[in-house]
Amino acid sequence: MGTQLGVSRQTINAIEAGRYDPSLPLAFRFARFFGTSIEALFDYDGEDA
């Protein structure tokens, strides 16, 4: 999966664990990879805005 998305396994692990927020382009690549929307993949509570 990392190879297809252009990121390392460590990056994917960090995103899954909530230690890293992906860039917007990477979030779009994730959504496209899974055939869903960014909103369905990532929770956003608006507190960091």
Protein backbone atom coordinates (compact mmCIF):
# COMPACT_ATOMS: atom_id res chain seq x y z
CA MET A 1 0.00 0.00 0.00
CA GLY A 2 2.79 2.43 0.86
CA THR A 3 4.41 1.90 -2.52
CA GLN A 4 1.12 2.56 -4.32
CA LEU A 5 0.55 5.74 -2.30
CA GLY A 6 4.15 6.91 -2.49
CA VAL A 7 4.81 6.85 1.27
CA SER A 8 6.72 4.66 3.68
CA ARG A 9 5.27 1.96 5.89
CA GLN A 10 6.24 4.11 8.88
CA THR A 11 4.16 6.99 7.54
CA ILE A 12 1.12 4.75 7.17
CA ASN A 13 1.62 3.42 10.71
CA ALA A 14 1.91 6.96 12.09
CA ILE A 15 -1.29 8.05 10.33
CA GLU A 16 -3.16 4.99 11.63
CA ALA A 17 -1.92 5.65 15.18
CA GLY A 18 -2.91 9.33 15.02
CA ARG A 19 0.68 10.56 15.38
CA TYR A 20 0.76 12.19 11.95
CA ASP A 21 -1.77 14.17 9.95
CA PRO A 22 -1.37 13.58 6.22
CA SER A 23 -1.11 16.43 3.77
CA LEU A 24 -4.21 17.19 1.74
CA PRO A 25 -2.78 15.61 -1.43
CA LEU A 26 -1.89 12.46 0.52
CA ALA A 27 -5.35 12.37 2.08
CA PHE A 28 -6.85 12.51 -1.42
CA ARG A 29 -4.58 9.64 -2.52
CA PHE A 30 -5.73 7.57 0.47
CA ALA A 31 -9.39 8.27 -0.34
CA ARG A 32 -8.89 7.39 -4.00
CA PHE A 33 -7.00 4.21 -3.03
CA PHE A 34 -9.87 3.04 -0.80
CA GLY A 35 -12.62 4.29 -3.13
CA THR A 36 -14.18 6.61 -0.58
CA SER A 37 -14.17 10.24 0.57
CA ILE A 38 -11.66 12.01 2.79
CA GLU A 39 -14.44 12.63 5.30
CA ALA A 40 -15.10 8.90 5.58
CA LEU A 41 -11.42 8.19 6.31
CA PHE A 42 -10.40 11.02 8.63
CA ASP A 43 -12.17 12.52 11.65
CA TYR A 44 -11.94 16.26 12.04
CA ASP A 45 -13.28 17.99 15.13
CA GLY A 46 -12.18 21.50 14.11
CA GLU A 47 -10.29 22.21 17.34
CA ASP A 48 -6.90 22.60 15.62
CA ALA A 49 -8.16 25.16 13.11
